[in-house]
Protein backbone atom coordinates (compact mmCIF):
# COMPACT_ATOMS: atom_id res chain seq x y z
CA ASN A 1 110.39 65.35 123.43
CA MET A 2 110.68 69.34 123.25
CA VAL A 3 113.79 71.35 124.07
CA VAL A 4 113.08 74.53 125.44
CA ASP A 5 116.44 76.73 124.77
CA VAL A 6 114.66 79.41 122.51
CA VAL A 7 111.09 80.77 123.02
CA PHE A 8 109.08 83.13 121.45
CA TYR A 9 106.93 85.35 123.05
CA ASP A 10 104.01 87.84 122.52
CA VAL A 11 101.08 89.16 123.94
CA THR A 12 97.60 89.83 122.60
CA THR A 13 94.00 90.68 123.56
CA PHE A 14 90.63 88.78 123.15
CA TYR A 15 87.45 91.25 123.42
CA PHE A 16 84.21 90.19 124.69
CA GLU A 17 80.88 91.53 123.52
CA SER A 18 80.17 93.60 126.54
CA ILE A 19 81.18 96.26 128.76
CA LYS A 20 80.58 94.52 132.38
CA GLN A 21 83.64 94.68 134.15
CA ASP A 22 85.17 92.26 136.12
CA ASP A 23 88.42 90.64 137.74
CA LEU A 24 89.34 89.46 134.21
CA ARG A 25 87.48 91.10 132.19
CA ASP A 26 88.20 94.99 131.82
CA PHE A 27 89.09 97.59 129.84
CA GLY A 28 92.53 98.29 127.97
CA PHE A 29 94.69 98.71 125.33
CA SER A 30 92.63 96.47 122.29
CA LYS A 31 94.95 95.01 119.79
CA ASP A 32 91.85 94.06 117.79
CA ASN A 33 90.46 97.96 118.21
CA LYS A 34 87.65 97.10 120.30
CA VAL A 35 88.09 100.14 122.74
CA ASN A 36 84.39 99.98 124.20
CA GLU A 37 84.34 96.36 125.04
CA VAL A 38 86.01 94.48 128.04
CA GLN A 39 89.02 92.23 127.57
CA VAL A 40 91.64 89.49 128.60
CA VAL A 41 95.31 89.90 127.77
CA MET A 42 97.05 86.40 126.65
CA GLY A 43 100.56 85.87 126.88
CA MET A 44 102.09 82.69 124.98
CA LEU A 45 105.18 80.92 124.68
CA VAL A 46 106.36 79.05 121.28
CA ASP A 47 109.28 77.20 120.77
CA LYS A 48 111.54 77.17 117.60
CA GLU A 49 109.32 75.03 115.63
CA GLY A 50 106.24 77.02 116.28
CA ARG A 51 104.83 74.66 119.06
CA PRO A 52 103.34 76.37 121.87
CA VAL A 53 104.82 76.01 125.48
CA GLY A 54 102.57 77.58 127.77
CA TYR A 55 100.66 80.83 128.60
CA GLU A 56 98.56 82.49 130.99
CA LEU A 57 95.84 85.04 131.15
CA PHE A 58 95.81 88.37 132.72
CA PRO A 59 93.40 90.98 133.57
CA GLY A 60 91.93 93.15 130.33
CA ASP A 61 93.71 96.15 131.83
CA THR A 62 97.51 94.49 132.17
CA VAL A 63 100.33 96.05 130.60
CA ASP A 64 102.23 94.05 127.84
CA SER A 65 105.76 94.29 129.60
CA LYS A 66 104.20 93.31 132.73
CA THR A 67 103.01 90.07 131.61
CA MET A 68 106.43 88.57 130.54
CA ILE A 69 108.15 88.21 134.39
CA GLU A 70 105.36 85.94 135.64
CA ILE A 71 105.39 83.73 132.66
CA LEU A 72 108.84 83.66 132.69
CA ARG A 73 108.84 82.46 136.28
CA LYS A 74 106.38 79.76 135.76
CA LEU A 75 108.66 78.79 132.57
CA ARG A 76 111.53 78.10 134.33
CA ASP A 77 109.75 76.43 137.47
CA LYS A 78 107.49 73.91 135.06
CA PHE A 79 110.81 73.28 132.97
CA CYS A 80 113.55 73.34 135.58
CA ILE A 81 115.87 75.49 133.36
CA ASP A 82 118.44 77.89 134.49
CA GLN A 83 119.02 79.42 131.19
CA VAL A 84 116.53 80.51 127.88
CA ILE A 85 116.53 82.90 125.23
CA ILE A 86 113.49 84.85 125.30
CA VAL A 87 112.72 86.48 121.77
CA ALA A 88 109.95 89.22 122.14
CA ASP A 89 109.40 92.75 120.71
CA LYS A 90 110.80 95.63 122.04
CA GLY A 91 108.05 96.68 124.12
CA LEU A 92 108.29 93.71 126.15
CA ASN A 93 112.08 93.70 126.62
CA SER A 94 113.34 96.60 128.87
CA LYS A 95 116.34 95.60 130.90
CA LEU A 96 117.55 91.71 129.40
CA ASN A 97 121.12 91.41 128.98
CA LEU A 98 121.62 88.66 126.23
CA LYS A 99 124.91 87.37 125.89
CA LEU A 100 124.94 85.95 121.93
CA ILE A 101 126.78 86.33 119.18
CA LYS A 102 125.25 88.52 116.33
CA GLU A 103 124.24 85.43 114.09
CA GLU A 104 122.03 83.94 117.06
CA VAL A 105 120.25 86.95 117.84
CA LEU A 106 119.56 87.53 114.01
CA ASN A 107 118.08 84.00 113.80
CA ALA A 108 116.03 83.93 116.38
CA TYR A 109 115.12 87.61 115.66
CA HIS A 110 114.02 86.50 112.06
CA ASP A 111 111.57 83.51 113.84
CA LEU A 112 109.68 85.92 115.93
CA TRP A 113 106.85 85.78 113.14
CA LYS A 114 106.18 82.51 114.51
CA ILE A 115 104.56 83.49 117.62
CA GLU A 116 102.78 86.15 115.66
CA GLN A 117 101.37 83.45 113.17
CA SER A 118 100.48 81.65 116.29
CA PHE A 119 97.98 84.15 117.46
CA ARG A 120 96.60 84.77 113.96
CA VAL A 121 95.96 80.95 114.13
CA MET A 122 94.18 81.01 117.10
CA LYS A 123 91.80 83.63 116.09
CA SER A 124 91.05 82.64 112.67
CA CYS A 125 91.60 79.10 112.38
CA LEU A 126 90.50 77.89 115.39
CA GLU A 127 87.74 80.69 115.70
CA VAL A 128 88.63 81.16 119.79
CA ARG A 129 86.02 84.09 119.30
CA PRO A 130 83.42 84.65 120.07
CA ILE A 131 83.38 83.70 123.47
CA PHE A 132 80.21 82.88 125.03
CA HIS A 133 81.27 82.72 128.80
CA TRP A 134 81.11 85.16 131.72
CA THR A 135 82.20 83.52 134.59
CA GLU A 136 86.10 83.65 135.19
CA LYS A 137 86.06 79.84 135.66
CA ARG A 138 84.49 79.14 132.22
CA ILE A 139 86.70 81.71 130.64
CA ARG A 140 89.40 80.03 132.07
CA GLY A 141 88.01 76.72 130.82
CA HIS A 142 87.59 78.14 127.33
CA PHE A 143 91.17 79.10 126.68
CA VAL A 144 92.25 76.00 127.97
CA VAL A 145 90.19 74.18 125.56
CA CYS A 146 91.48 76.59 122.76
CA TYR A 147 94.92 76.07 124.13
CA LEU A 148 95.08 72.80 123.44
CA ALA A 149 93.25 72.60 120.21
CA PHE A 150 96.29 74.69 118.79
CA LEU A 151 98.93 72.48 120.75
CA LEU A 152 97.48 69.49 118.76
CA GLU A 153 97.23 71.29 115.71
CA ARG A 154 100.86 72.36 116.28
CA THR A 155 102.23 68.84 116.54
CA LEU A 156 100.12 67.86 113.57
CA GLU A 157 101.78 70.51 111.70
CA TYR A 158 105.18 69.48 112.98
CA SER A 159 104.65 66.03 112.58
CA LEU A 160 103.75 66.56 108.88
CA ARG A 161 107.02 68.78 108.20
CA SER A 162 109.26 65.94 109.60
CA LYS A 163 107.70 63.45 106.99
CA GLY A 164 108.18 66.16 104.08
CA LYS A 165 104.64 67.23 104.52
CA GLU A 166 104.49 71.27 104.30
CA LEU A 167 100.53 71.84 105.62
CA SER A 168 99.67 75.34 107.05
CA SER A 169 96.85 75.24 109.60
CA ASP A 170 94.12 76.31 107.38
CA ARG A 171 95.02 73.50 105.11
CA ILE A 172 95.28 70.69 107.63
CA LYS A 173 91.73 72.28 108.63
CA GLU A 174 90.59 71.75 105.05
CA ALA A 175 91.87 68.03 104.97
CA ILE A 176 90.30 66.90 108.31
CA GLY A 177 87.05 68.37 107.11
CA SER A 178 87.41 65.95 104.29
CA MET A 179 87.27 62.79 106.04
CA ASN A 180 83.44 62.13 105.87
CA PHE A 181 80.75 59.76 105.39
CA VAL A 182 77.36 59.16 104.03
CA GLU A 183 74.96 57.92 105.95
CA ILE A 184 72.19 55.54 104.23
CA GLU A 185 69.67 53.17 105.14
CA ILE A 186 69.05 49.67 103.45
CA ASN A 187 66.09 47.35 104.77
CA GLY A 188 65.84 49.16 107.75
CA LYS A 189 69.37 48.95 108.62
CA LYS A 190 72.11 52.06 108.72
CA TYR A 191 75.23 52.11 106.73
CA LEU A 192 78.13 54.97 106.11
CA ILE A 193 79.61 55.16 102.97
CA LYS A 194 83.09 57.18 102.91
CA GLN A 195 83.54 59.84 101.02
CA LYS A 196 86.42 60.53 98.80
CA MET A 197 89.30 61.71 101.10
CA GLU A 198 91.93 64.49 99.91
CA GLU A 199 95.41 63.42 99.65
CA GLU A 200 96.45 65.49 102.61
CA ALA A 201 93.94 63.50 104.73
CA GLU A 202 95.37 60.39 103.73
CA ASP A 203 98.79 61.64 104.73
CA ILE A 204 97.65 62.81 108.20
CA LEU A 205 95.95 59.77 108.72
CA LYS A 206 99.65 57.83 108.19
CA VAL A 207 101.48 60.37 110.49
CA MET A 208 98.71 59.91 113.19
CA LYS A 209 99.42 56.06 112.57
CA ILE A 210 95.10 55.84 111.70
CA LYS A 211 94.09 53.31 109.64
CA ALA A 212 91.97 54.54 107.19
CA PRO A 213 88.03 52.90 107.55
CA LYS A 214 86.65 50.73 104.55
CA ASN A 215 84.44 52.68 101.63
CA PHE A 216 81.24 51.18 103.35
CA ILE A 217 80.74 50.03 106.96
CA THR A 218 77.49 49.53 109.20
CA TYR A 219 76.67 52.93 111.47
CA GLU A 220 77.82 50.43 114.62
CA GLU A 221 80.93 50.10 113.21
CA GLY A 222 80.99 54.18 112.38
CA MET A 223 80.20 54.65 115.95
CA GLU A 224 82.81 52.24 117.12
CA LEU A 225 85.45 54.08 115.26
CA ILE A 226 84.57 57.22 116.82
CA GLY A 227 84.75 55.95 120.22
CA MET A 228 81.02 56.25 120.53
CA LYS A 229 79.68 53.00 120.49
CA LYS A 230 77.99 52.15 124.29
């Protein structure tokens, strides 16, 4: 269960290799210095553990400070909360009255890097770009998939941390990438040989409560393992 009392908010931009404007894609202040290409603006909230709480897409010409009211309204309605502490860059906060003791303010501000890191993970590790979609429906669908991938990655990272295993998003990606099989054929029948997994990959399986497959299985068993058996 996620307790939403302190959230971190920031905005970034995602550019398209295009100059064609529409209701969503437009020219604006680019955080990637892509001033000659259209973009969309994304505002995202994460909790104290760095797990995403919600996001919103805005037209590419939207000013950062104008994104916060909309996403805060949705946050309030979604979680039915009366009060939440928002930690954001000073450019996003213009008229906020925060009645907090100095210690709370400092502790929350020192954690602001979590939302900034979140965007770096999305842009690098999860490879949100390039975006090969042009219609608004498909663009929004693309970001839904990327957001869900980020949510799963952060949830896994949090679960590992709770078990005393500190792994970065890049390290998790590398560990999962070591979970491979080699396909061979013997007397016309296909088999799969499990390659040696990294230690962190075994930790991930344990946290997810997934039993590691045997070293040698039939092709059919492999397809059943990944849910592709007809």
